[in-house]
Amino acid sequence: MNESVIKKTAEFVKDHLEREVTGHDWWHTERVWKLTLRIAKEEKNVDLFVVQLAALLHDIADWKFHGGDDTLGPKLAEKWLKKLKVEEETISHVCEIIKEISFKGAKVKSKMRTKEGMIVQDADRLDAIGAIGIARCFATGAKLNQEIYNPKIKPKVHKTFEEYKKAESTSINHFYEKLLLLKDLMNTKTAKKIAEKRHKFMEQFLDRFFKEWNCKD
């Protein structure tokens, strides 16, 4: 039963996210799914059914591309899982993870309550950093009509989710407003270890970027 639900959900998400161009596509979802399982193997007493469903459905309707509506993703996930006759307790847990998974600003604390939620959140955040994270950052920035960089627009420390959603920014600023912060926000030891190398690569990229920007290299 569980394997069938996971397989059908993977197919559903793959179809739903076809031709998505911001890096919040099926391939992102598949990587998060794989990372989730990798991290879960290092943890004890983890509900693998919940973490897999949450990983697969976590970006089914990202708020950034739906007018800032962070309720749509959990609603679509709930509708899909009810169609598959998944137990209410599992649906509730999965939807809770989807609701809380997103980064909501530097000063906004995560509300992840369960180990399952922390694992999926770590996997999602790992895919936001490193080489792939850099590529996704600029793809998303273009979709949101953001400049690559503008020295006149300074990075901000957002105190609320609403402030974070509405702030004017650039792709380079996004590193300072979110991506460089993620290493220290990982929940699990496995994710923290993986994050170290990815974080370092982003620092090297930014160093090179600013040397070229200032015509010094």
Protein backbone atom coordinates (compact mmCIF):
# COMPACT_ATOMS: atom_id res chain seq x y z
CA MET A 1 0.00 0.00 0.00
CA ASN A 2 2.66 2.54 1.08
CA GLU A 3 4.93 1.78 -1.87
CA SER A 4 2.01 2.22 -4.26
CA VAL A 5 1.10 5.59 -2.72
CA ILE A 6 4.69 6.80 -2.97
CA LYS A 7 4.97 5.68 -6.59
CA LYS A 8 1.69 7.36 -7.57
CA THR A 9 2.66 10.52 -5.71
CA ALA A 10 6.02 10.68 -7.48
CA GLU A 11 4.25 10.36 -10.84
CA PHE A 12 1.71 13.02 -9.84
CA VAL A 13 4.40 15.51 -8.81
CA LYS A 14 6.49 14.79 -11.90
CA ASP A 15 3.51 15.55 -14.15
CA HIS A 16 2.53 18.62 -12.12
CA LEU A 17 6.00 20.20 -12.20
CA GLU A 18 6.78 19.43 -15.84
CA ARG A 19 8.40 22.38 -17.65
CA GLU A 20 8.98 24.29 -14.41
CA VAL A 21 12.05 26.45 -15.07
CA THR A 22 13.06 28.01 -11.74
CA GLY A 23 14.80 25.01 -10.21
CA HIS A 24 11.70 24.17 -8.18
CA ASP A 25 11.03 21.41 -10.69
CA TRP A 26 10.73 17.62 -10.56
CA TRP A 27 14.50 17.22 -10.50
CA HIS A 28 14.71 19.41 -7.39
CA THR A 29 11.98 17.29 -5.82
CA GLU A 30 13.78 14.08 -6.73
CA ARG A 31 17.03 15.34 -5.19
CA VAL A 32 15.21 16.35 -1.99
CA TRP A 33 13.58 12.92 -1.92
CA LYS A 34 16.99 11.20 -2.21
CA LEU A 35 18.60 13.48 0.37
CA THR A 36 15.68 12.87 2.72
CA LEU A 37 16.24 9.11 2.56
CA ARG A 38 19.98 9.57 2.98
CA ILE A 39 19.52 11.65 6.13
CA ALA A 40 16.74 9.41 7.47
CA LYS A 41 19.07 6.39 7.37
CA GLU A 42 21.28 8.13 9.95
CA GLU A 43 18.35 8.85 12.27
CA LYS A 44 16.36 6.47 14.47
CA ASN A 45 12.61 6.01 14.76
CA VAL A 46 11.77 7.90 11.57
CA ASP A 47 8.48 7.39 9.71
CA LEU A 48 9.81 6.80 6.20
CA PHE A 49 6.33 6.97 4.68
CA VAL A 50 5.77 10.47 6.06
CA VAL A 51 9.19 11.83 5.10
CA GLN A 52 8.92 10.51 1.55
CA LEU A 53 5.45 11.94 0.99
CA ALA A 54 6.48 15.29 2.46
CA ALA A 55 9.63 15.39 0.34
CA LEU A 56 7.69 14.59 -2.81
CA LEU A 57 4.91 17.11 -2.16
CA HIS A 58 6.85 19.92 -0.46
CA ASP A 59 7.00 22.13 -3.58
CA ILE A 60 3.70 21.19 -5.19
CA ALA A 61 2.69 24.87 -5.02
CA ASP A 62 5.57 27.10 -3.89
CA TRP A 63 4.26 30.39 -2.47
CA LYS A 64 6.82 32.40 -4.48
CA PHE A 65 5.01 31.55 -7.69
CA HIS A 66 1.45 31.70 -6.35
CA GLY A 67 1.09 35.27 -5.21
CA GLY A 68 2.65 34.62 -1.82
CA ASP A 69 -0.05 32.11 -0.84
CA ASP A 70 1.65 29.66 1.53
CA THR A 71 -1.59 27.75 2.17
CA LEU A 72 -2.02 26.41 -1.35
CA GLY A 73 0.70 23.73 -1.13
CA PRO A 74 -0.72 22.02 1.97
CA LYS A 75 -4.23 22.20 0.46
CA LEU A 76 -3.18 20.51 -2.78
CA ALA A 77 -1.20 17.88 -0.88
CA GLU A 78 -4.17 17.14 1.38
CA LYS A 79 -6.52 16.81 -1.60
CA TRP A 80 -4.15 14.41 -3.34
CA LEU A 81 -3.49 12.22 -0.31
CA LYS A 82 -7.19 11.99 0.51
CA LYS A 83 -7.78 10.80 -3.04
CA LEU A 84 -5.32 7.98 -2.34
CA LYS A 85 -7.12 7.21 0.95
CA VAL A 86 -4.06 7.87 3.12
CA GLU A 87 -4.80 7.93 6.85
CA GLU A 88 -5.79 11.31 8.30
CA GLU A 89 -2.96 11.29 10.85
CA THR A 90 -0.38 10.84 8.10
CA ILE A 91 -2.00 13.53 5.93
CA SER A 92 -1.98 15.97 8.83
CA HIS A 93 1.69 15.31 9.53
CA VAL A 94 2.71 15.68 5.88
CA CYS A 95 0.74 18.91 5.47
CA GLU A 96 2.25 20.33 8.66
CA ILE A 97 5.73 19.73 7.26
CA ILE A 98 4.85 21.36 3.93
CA LYS A 99 3.39 24.37 5.74
CA GLU A 100 6.48 24.95 7.88
CA ILE A 101 9.29 23.85 5.55
CA SER A 102 10.06 27.18 3.89
CA PHE A 103 12.65 29.69 5.04
CA LYS A 104 10.64 32.72 6.13
CA GLY A 105 13.29 35.31 6.95
CA ALA A 106 16.55 35.59 8.90
CA LYS A 107 14.80 36.51 12.15
CA VAL A 108 11.88 34.08 11.80
CA LYS A 109 12.37 30.87 13.77
CA SER A 110 11.48 27.50 12.28
CA LYS A 111 8.43 25.79 13.76
CA MET A 112 9.30 22.23 12.76
CA ARG A 113 7.89 20.02 15.50
CA THR A 114 8.89 16.50 14.45
CA LYS A 115 12.06 14.68 13.43
CA GLU A 116 10.43 13.87 10.09
CA GLY A 117 9.84 17.55 9.44
CA MET A 118 13.39 18.47 10.38
CA ILE A 119 14.80 15.84 8.01
CA VAL A 120 12.77 16.99 5.02
CA GLN A 121 13.56 20.63 5.81
CA ASP A 122 17.27 19.81 5.91
CA ALA A 123 17.08 18.03 2.55
CA ASP A 124 15.26 20.96 0.96
CA ARG A 125 17.76 23.45 2.39
CA LEU A 126 20.74 21.40 1.21
CA ASP A 127 19.46 21.64 -2.35
CA ALA A 128 19.31 25.43 -1.96
CA ILE A 129 23.07 25.72 -1.38
CA GLY A 130 26.23 24.66 -3.17
CA ALA A 131 26.62 24.54 -6.96
CA ILE A 132 23.01 23.54 -7.61
CA GLY A 133 21.80 26.12 -5.12
CA ILE A 134 23.67 28.84 -7.02
CA ALA A 135 22.10 27.75 -10.31
CA ARG A 136 18.64 27.66 -8.76
CA CYS A 137 19.13 31.07 -7.18
CA PHE A 138 19.68 32.80 -10.52
CA ALA A 139 16.94 30.84 -12.28
CA THR A 140 14.45 31.90 -9.60
CA GLY A 141 15.71 35.48 -9.61
CA ALA A 142 15.09 35.74 -13.35
CA LYS A 143 11.58 34.37 -12.94
CA LEU A 144 10.88 36.97 -10.24
CA ASN A 145 12.30 39.77 -12.42
CA GLN A 146 15.17 40.43 -10.02
CA GLU A 147 18.48 41.93 -11.09
CA ILE A 148 21.58 39.77 -10.75
CA TYR A 149 23.15 42.44 -8.55
CA ASN A 150 22.62 46.12 -7.79
CA PRO A 151 25.01 47.80 -5.33
CA LYS A 152 22.29 50.34 -4.48
CA ILE A 153 20.03 47.58 -3.09
CA LYS A 154 21.42 46.33 0.21
CA PRO A 155 20.70 42.92 1.79
CA LYS A 156 18.16 43.01 4.62
CA VAL A 157 17.59 41.01 7.78
CA HIS A 158 13.88 40.24 7.55
CA LYS A 159 12.01 40.09 10.84
CA THR A 160 8.74 38.63 9.55
CA PHE A 161 7.60 36.31 6.77
CA GLU A 162 5.51 39.08 5.22
CA GLU A 163 8.52 41.39 5.13
CA TYR A 164 10.59 38.63 3.53
CA LYS A 165 7.95 37.95 0.86
CA LYS A 166 7.52 41.58 -0.13
CA ALA A 167 11.11 42.84 0.03
CA GLU A 168 12.89 44.17 -3.05
CA SER A 169 16.04 42.17 -3.60
CA THR A 170 18.58 40.82 -6.10
CA SER A 171 19.92 37.35 -6.75
CA ILE A 172 23.25 38.15 -5.09
CA ASN A 173 21.48 39.63 -2.06
CA HIS A 174 19.61 36.35 -1.72
CA PHE A 175 22.87 34.71 -0.68
CA TYR A 176 23.15 37.06 2.29
CA GLU A 177 19.44 37.08 3.10
CA LYS A 178 19.04 33.31 3.03
CA LEU A 179 21.52 30.93 1.41
CA LEU A 180 24.57 31.69 3.56
CA LEU A 181 22.42 31.37 6.67
CA LEU A 182 21.22 27.83 5.95
CA LYS A 183 24.37 25.99 7.06
CA ASP A 184 23.78 27.00 10.67
CA LEU A 185 20.05 26.22 10.47
CA MET A 186 20.42 22.53 9.65
CA ASN A 187 18.68 20.24 12.13
CA THR A 188 20.58 16.95 11.77
CA LYS A 189 24.25 16.00 12.05
CA THR A 190 24.22 14.44 8.59
CA ALA A 191 22.87 17.60 6.97
CA LYS A 192 25.30 19.82 8.88
CA LYS A 193 28.21 17.79 7.53
CA ILE A 194 26.98 17.95 3.93
CA ALA A 195 26.25 21.66 4.26
CA GLU A 196 29.84 22.55 5.16
CA LYS A 197 31.26 21.85 1.68
CA ARG A 198 28.31 23.40 -0.13
CA HIS A 199 28.54 26.53 1.99
CA LYS A 200 32.25 26.88 1.29
CA PHE A 201 31.65 26.62 -2.45
CA MET A 202 29.15 29.50 -2.29
CA GLU A 203 31.69 31.65 -0.44
CA GLN A 204 34.26 30.91 -3.15
CA PHE A 205 31.74 31.82 -5.85
CA LEU A 206 30.89 35.14 -4.21
CA ASP A 207 34.55 36.01 -3.78
CA ARG A 208 35.11 35.42 -7.49
CA PHE A 209 31.90 37.26 -8.44
CA PHE A 210 32.89 40.45 -6.63
CA LYS A 211 36.44 40.36 -8.01
CA GLU A 212 35.01 40.27 -11.53
CA TRP A 213 32.28 42.81 -10.69
CA ASN A 214 34.94 45.27 -9.52
CA CYS A 215 37.14 44.44 -12.52
CA LYS A 216 39.97 43.21 -10.30
CA ASP A 217 40.34 39.78 -11.89
